[in-house]
Each structure stands twice: as structure tokens, then as C-alpha cells.
Amino acid sequence: MDSVIRGAIVYLFLLIIFRISGKRTMAQVTSFDMVVLLIISETTQQAMVTQDQSMTNAFLLIMTLVGLSVLFSWLKLYSHRIENWLDGTPVVLIEKGRMHANRMHRERIGKEDILEAARMTQGLKKLDQIEYAVLERTGEISVIPKNSGDTD
């Protein structure tokens, strides 16, 4: 039973930490991020198993973690509040060509991030060519260009 409680606590702790870290953290994984993730996984493993490294304990922990994942997926189906807390909501960064600096700052998104997404997805070169830019729940930035008559 100790393993189930430890597994649940670690699962919830990591869920909160990754939710607080923001959407962009999970969308753009750098070499540094990968190293941090590997260290977190090793630390997490040690926190969950203590001295019991048996197959039974491993299976119990896997069932606990998968069970919690299924439970939260089920809860998201019935509660928009839980879904929004777990997955976040899209954030409009540029609206009708106007940047929302406060939202960009809060989400740790720079102009360069938006321009990169605009180049990669729409072939746009300048911010004034963007009608809307939205930080999606996945951490990706969706860009909608201005009508061809609206651009330079």
C-alpha cells in the first residue's frame, strides 16, 4: 500500500510542477530540458520504490500511475474546470494584428517565438503579416495570416 500512496503523491506532484512550468516548456524540448527530464525520472523512480525493487512493486506502481492517468482523463470528460486546469486553455497572443504583451510575458513567449511559428507554418516574415497568433494547449503556436490584401 505504501507504493500506491508514494506513486500517487509523485504523480500529483509532477502533474502540478509540469502544469506550473507552462505550455511552452513541454512544446520545445532542448538538450538541457532532456537532461533535466532524465534527472527527474531517476529521482522520481527512487522516491517511489524506496527499498522494494521487486517486480510486484514495479507492477503495482505502473498500475497506480496508469490508473491515475485514466482517472484524470475520465474526470476531464465530465468537468471543464478540471480539463482546463489539467490541460490549460488556448491563449490569444496576437489579435487582429495587435500583440498582447502581458499575455506573451505571462506565457514566456517572445516575438521571435511567434515569428518562428509564422515562418514555419505560414511562410510569413514579419509580425505585421499576422492577424492572429494563439498559444495552443499543446504549447504550439498557431498563426493565422492577414488576408493578402492586408499585408505589405
C-alpha atoms as a PDB file:
ATOM      1  CA  MET A   1       0.000   0.000   0.000  1.00  0.00           C
ATOM      2  CA  ASP A   2       2.947   2.295   0.682  1.00  0.00           C
ATOM      3  CA  SER A   3       3.952   2.093  -3.006  1.00  0.00           C
ATOM      4  CA  VAL A   4       0.480   3.102  -4.182  1.00  0.00           C
ATOM      5  CA  ILE A   5       0.478   6.160  -1.906  1.00  0.00           C
ATOM      6  CA  ARG A   6       4.020   7.118  -2.945  1.00  0.00           C
ATOM      7  CA  GLY A   7       3.159   6.649  -6.616  1.00  0.00           C
ATOM      8  CA  ALA A   8       0.019   8.779  -6.319  1.00  0.00           C
ATOM      9  CA  ILE A   9       1.862  11.554  -4.468  1.00  0.00           C
ATOM     10  CA  VAL A  10       4.681  11.619  -7.030  1.00  0.00           C
ATOM     11  CA  TYR A  11       2.174  11.595  -9.917  1.00  0.00           C
ATOM     12  CA  LEU A  12       0.238  14.545  -8.492  1.00  0.00           C
ATOM     13  CA  PHE A  13       3.418  16.438  -7.630  1.00  0.00           C
ATOM     14  CA  LEU A  14       4.809  16.064 -11.158  1.00  0.00           C
ATOM     15  CA  LEU A  15       1.449  16.988 -12.669  1.00  0.00           C
ATOM     16  CA  ILE A  16       1.417  20.219 -10.676  1.00  0.00           C
ATOM     17  CA  ILE A  17       5.071  21.029 -11.429  1.00  0.00           C
ATOM     18  CA  PHE A  18       4.692  20.496 -15.177  1.00  0.00           C
ATOM     19  CA  ARG A  19       1.425  22.427 -15.217  1.00  0.00           C
ATOM     20  CA  ILE A  20       3.063  25.370 -13.421  1.00  0.00           C
ATOM     21  CA  SER A  21       6.075  25.285 -15.743  1.00  0.00           C
ATOM     22  CA  GLY A  22       3.869  26.314 -18.647  1.00  0.00           C
ATOM     23  CA  LYS A  23       2.829  25.106 -22.069  1.00  0.00           C
ATOM     24  CA  ARG A  24       5.943  26.150 -23.922  1.00  0.00           C
ATOM     25  CA  THR A  25       8.150  24.111 -21.617  1.00  0.00           C
ATOM     26  CA  MET A  26       6.665  20.902 -22.947  1.00  0.00           C
ATOM     27  CA  ALA A  27       6.457  22.018 -26.583  1.00  0.00           C
ATOM     28  CA  GLN A  28      10.120  22.886 -27.062  1.00  0.00           C
ATOM     29  CA  VAL A  29      12.461  20.336 -25.567  1.00  0.00           C
ATOM     30  CA  THR A  30      16.116  21.393 -25.716  1.00  0.00           C
ATOM     31  CA  SER A  31      19.148  19.321 -24.730  1.00  0.00           C
ATOM     32  CA  PHE A  32      19.069  20.983 -21.317  1.00  0.00           C
ATOM     33  CA  ASP A  33      15.376  20.101 -20.909  1.00  0.00           C
ATOM     34  CA  MET A  34      16.091  16.478 -21.823  1.00  0.00           C
ATOM     35  CA  VAL A  35      18.839  16.239 -19.189  1.00  0.00           C
ATOM     36  CA  VAL A  36      16.513  17.737 -16.574  1.00  0.00           C
ATOM     37  CA  LEU A  37      13.766  15.290 -17.572  1.00  0.00           C
ATOM     38  CA  LEU A  38      16.127  12.320 -17.225  1.00  0.00           C
ATOM     39  CA  ILE A  39      17.224  13.504 -13.783  1.00  0.00           C
ATOM     40  CA  ILE A  40      13.604  13.991 -12.754  1.00  0.00           C
ATOM     41  CA  SER A  41      12.736  10.473 -13.925  1.00  0.00           C
ATOM     42  CA  GLU A  42      15.562   8.920 -11.938  1.00  0.00           C
ATOM     43  CA  THR A  43      14.696  10.940  -8.837  1.00  0.00           C
ATOM     44  CA  THR A  44      11.035  10.047  -9.254  1.00  0.00           C
ATOM     45  CA  GLN A  45      11.845   6.363  -9.530  1.00  0.00           C
ATOM     46  CA  GLN A  46      13.864   6.482  -6.318  1.00  0.00           C
ATOM     47  CA  ALA A  47      11.094   8.359  -4.498  1.00  0.00           C
ATOM     48  CA  MET A  48       8.505   5.759  -5.473  1.00  0.00           C
ATOM     49  CA  VAL A  49      10.262   2.444  -4.893  1.00  0.00           C
ATOM     50  CA  THR A  50      12.234   3.075  -1.686  1.00  0.00           C
ATOM     51  CA  GLN A  51      13.938  -0.248  -0.878  1.00  0.00           C
ATOM     52  CA  ASP A  52      11.417  -2.530  -2.594  1.00  0.00           C
ATOM     53  CA  GLN A  53      12.644  -3.196  -6.115  1.00  0.00           C
ATOM     54  CA  SER A  54      10.576  -6.313  -6.725  1.00  0.00           C
ATOM     55  CA  MET A  55       8.594  -6.956  -9.905  1.00  0.00           C
ATOM     56  CA  THR A  56       5.402  -6.905  -7.843  1.00  0.00           C
ATOM     57  CA  ASN A  57       6.167  -3.417  -6.579  1.00  0.00           C
ATOM     58  CA  ALA A  58       7.025  -2.243 -10.105  1.00  0.00           C
ATOM     59  CA  PHE A  59       3.750  -3.630 -11.481  1.00  0.00           C
ATOM     60  CA  LEU A  60       1.812  -2.025  -8.629  1.00  0.00           C
ATOM     61  CA  LEU A  61       3.421   1.358  -9.325  1.00  0.00           C
ATOM     62  CA  ILE A  62       2.722   1.080 -13.059  1.00  0.00           C
ATOM     63  CA  MET A  63      -0.916   0.231 -12.368  1.00  0.00           C
ATOM     64  CA  THR A  64      -1.161   3.181  -9.954  1.00  0.00           C
ATOM     65  CA  LEU A  65       0.291   5.672 -12.452  1.00  0.00           C
ATOM     66  CA  VAL A  66      -1.761   4.404 -15.383  1.00  0.00           C
ATOM     67  CA  GLY A  67      -4.853   4.262 -13.178  1.00  0.00           C
ATOM     68  CA  LEU A  68      -4.409   7.893 -12.150  1.00  0.00           C
ATOM     69  CA  SER A  69      -3.922   8.873 -15.768  1.00  0.00           C
ATOM     70  CA  VAL A  70      -7.154   7.103 -16.760  1.00  0.00           C
ATOM     71  CA  LEU A  71      -8.975   8.645 -13.790  1.00  0.00           C
ATOM     72  CA  PHE A  72      -7.940  12.184 -14.768  1.00  0.00           C
ATOM     73  CA  SER A  73      -8.883  11.530 -18.400  1.00  0.00           C
ATOM     74  CA  TRP A  74     -12.303  10.391 -17.238  1.00  0.00           C
ATOM     75  CA  LEU A  75     -12.711  13.409 -14.936  1.00  0.00           C
ATOM     76  CA  LYS A  76     -11.821  15.756 -17.812  1.00  0.00           C
ATOM     77  CA  LEU A  77     -14.754  14.367 -19.800  1.00  0.00           C
ATOM     78  CA  TYR A  78     -17.205  15.458 -17.104  1.00  0.00           C
ATOM     79  CA  SER A  79     -15.651  18.689 -15.826  1.00  0.00           C
ATOM     80  CA  HIS A  80     -14.458  21.568 -17.975  1.00  0.00           C
ATOM     81  CA  ARG A  81     -12.882  23.139 -14.892  1.00  0.00           C
ATOM     82  CA  ILE A  82     -10.692  20.073 -14.322  1.00  0.00           C
ATOM     83  CA  GLU A  83      -9.925  19.846 -18.052  1.00  0.00           C
ATOM     84  CA  ASN A  84      -8.854  23.494 -18.154  1.00  0.00           C
ATOM     85  CA  TRP A  85      -6.695  23.101 -15.051  1.00  0.00           C
ATOM     86  CA  LEU A  86      -5.006  19.946 -16.310  1.00  0.00           C
ATOM     87  CA  ASP A  87      -4.599  20.886 -19.977  1.00  0.00           C
ATOM     88  CA  GLY A  88      -4.833  24.668 -19.880  1.00  0.00           C
ATOM     89  CA  THR A  89      -6.694  26.846 -22.352  1.00  0.00           C
ATOM     90  CA  PRO A  90      -5.562  28.451 -25.601  1.00  0.00           C
ATOM     91  CA  VAL A  91      -4.153  31.960 -25.158  1.00  0.00           C
ATOM     92  CA  VAL A  92      -4.523  34.604 -27.880  1.00  0.00           C
ATOM     93  CA  LEU A  93      -1.151  36.335 -28.254  1.00  0.00           C
ATOM     94  CA  ILE A  94      -1.896  38.458 -31.324  1.00  0.00           C
ATOM     95  CA  GLU A  95      -5.455  39.528 -32.032  1.00  0.00           C
ATOM     96  CA  LYS A  96      -6.439  41.440 -35.161  1.00  0.00           C
ATOM     97  CA  GLY A  97      -2.766  42.247 -35.683  1.00  0.00           C
ATOM     98  CA  ARG A  98      -2.300  43.652 -32.141  1.00  0.00           C
ATOM     99  CA  MET A  99       0.143  41.973 -29.759  1.00  0.00           C
ATOM    100  CA  HIS A 100      -0.930  41.249 -26.187  1.00  0.00           C
ATOM    101  CA  ALA A 101       2.380  41.890 -24.420  1.00  0.00           C
ATOM    102  CA  ASN A 102       1.033  40.986 -20.975  1.00  0.00           C
ATOM    103  CA  ARG A 103      -0.134  37.555 -22.165  1.00  0.00           C
ATOM    104  CA  MET A 104       3.132  36.964 -24.000  1.00  0.00           C
ATOM    105  CA  HIS A 105       5.099  37.851 -20.875  1.00  0.00           C
ATOM    106  CA  ARG A 106       2.919  35.624 -18.667  1.00  0.00           C
ATOM    107  CA  GLU A 107       3.390  32.669 -21.045  1.00  0.00           C
ATOM    108  CA  ARG A 108       7.099  33.451 -21.574  1.00  0.00           C
ATOM    109  CA  ILE A 109       6.651  33.901 -25.332  1.00  0.00           C
ATOM    110  CA  GLY A 110       8.778  36.358 -27.271  1.00  0.00           C
ATOM    111  CA  LYS A 111       8.217  37.971 -30.651  1.00  0.00           C
ATOM    112  CA  GLU A 112      10.869  35.635 -32.029  1.00  0.00           C
ATOM    113  CA  ASP A 113       8.820  32.590 -30.981  1.00  0.00           C
ATOM    114  CA  ILE A 114       5.788  33.907 -32.828  1.00  0.00           C
ATOM    115  CA  LEU A 115       7.850  34.803 -35.896  1.00  0.00           C
ATOM    116  CA  GLU A 116       9.392  31.337 -35.929  1.00  0.00           C
ATOM    117  CA  ALA A 117       5.949  29.726 -35.867  1.00  0.00           C
ATOM    118  CA  ALA A 118       4.768  32.138 -38.591  1.00  0.00           C
ATOM    119  CA  ARG A 119       7.731  31.254 -40.823  1.00  0.00           C
ATOM    120  CA  MET A 120       7.429  27.516 -40.248  1.00  0.00           C
ATOM    121  CA  THR A 121       3.673  27.180 -40.670  1.00  0.00           C
ATOM    122  CA  GLN A 122       2.662  30.070 -42.939  1.00  0.00           C
ATOM    123  CA  GLY A 123       5.855  31.293 -44.610  1.00  0.00           C
ATOM    124  CA  LEU A 124       5.398  34.762 -43.102  1.00  0.00           C
ATOM    125  CA  LYS A 125       8.378  37.032 -42.487  1.00  0.00           C
ATOM    126  CA  LYS A 126       7.021  39.932 -40.403  1.00  0.00           C
ATOM    127  CA  LEU A 127       4.748  40.368 -37.403  1.00  0.00           C
ATOM    128  CA  ASP A 128       2.517  42.802 -39.288  1.00  0.00           C
ATOM    129  CA  GLN A 129       1.503  39.925 -41.596  1.00  0.00           C
ATOM    130  CA  ILE A 130      -0.143  38.093 -38.675  1.00  0.00           C
ATOM    131  CA  GLU A 131      -3.852  38.515 -37.943  1.00  0.00           C
ATOM    132  CA  TYR A 132      -3.960  36.043 -35.030  1.00  0.00           C
ATOM    133  CA  ALA A 133      -1.390  34.034 -33.085  1.00  0.00           C
ATOM    134  CA  VAL A 134      -2.653  31.584 -30.489  1.00  0.00           C
ATOM    135  CA  LEU A 135      -0.671  29.581 -27.950  1.00  0.00           C
ATOM    136  CA  GLU A 136      -2.493  26.269 -28.069  1.00  0.00           C
ATOM    137  CA  ARG A 137      -2.999  23.880 -25.151  1.00  0.00           C
ATOM    138  CA  THR A 138      -0.203  21.719 -26.556  1.00  0.00           C
ATOM    139  CA  GLY A 139       2.313  24.571 -26.382  1.00  0.00           C
ATOM    140  CA  GLU A 140       2.410  25.072 -30.145  1.00  0.00           C
ATOM    141  CA  ILE A 141       1.703  28.489 -31.649  1.00  0.00           C
ATOM    142  CA  SER A 142      -0.992  28.642 -34.331  1.00  0.00           C
ATOM    143  CA  VAL A 143      -0.707  31.538 -36.752  1.00  0.00           C
ATOM    144  CA  ILE A 144      -3.453  32.947 -38.963  1.00  0.00           C
ATOM    145  CA  PRO A 145      -2.143  35.380 -41.574  1.00  0.00           C
ATOM    146  CA  LYS A 146      -3.860  38.585 -42.548  1.00  0.00           C
ATOM    147  CA  ASN A 147      -5.734  38.478 -45.837  1.00  0.00           C
ATOM    148  CA  SER A 148      -3.401  39.003 -48.765  1.00  0.00           C
ATOM    149  CA  GLY A 149      -4.870  42.466 -49.287  1.00  0.00           C
ATOM    150  CA  ASP A 150      -3.968  43.421 -45.679  1.00  0.00           C
ATOM    151  CA  THR A 151      -0.221  42.670 -45.885  1.00  0.00           C
ATOM    152  CA  ASP A 152       2.644  44.788 -47.287  1.00  0.00           C
END
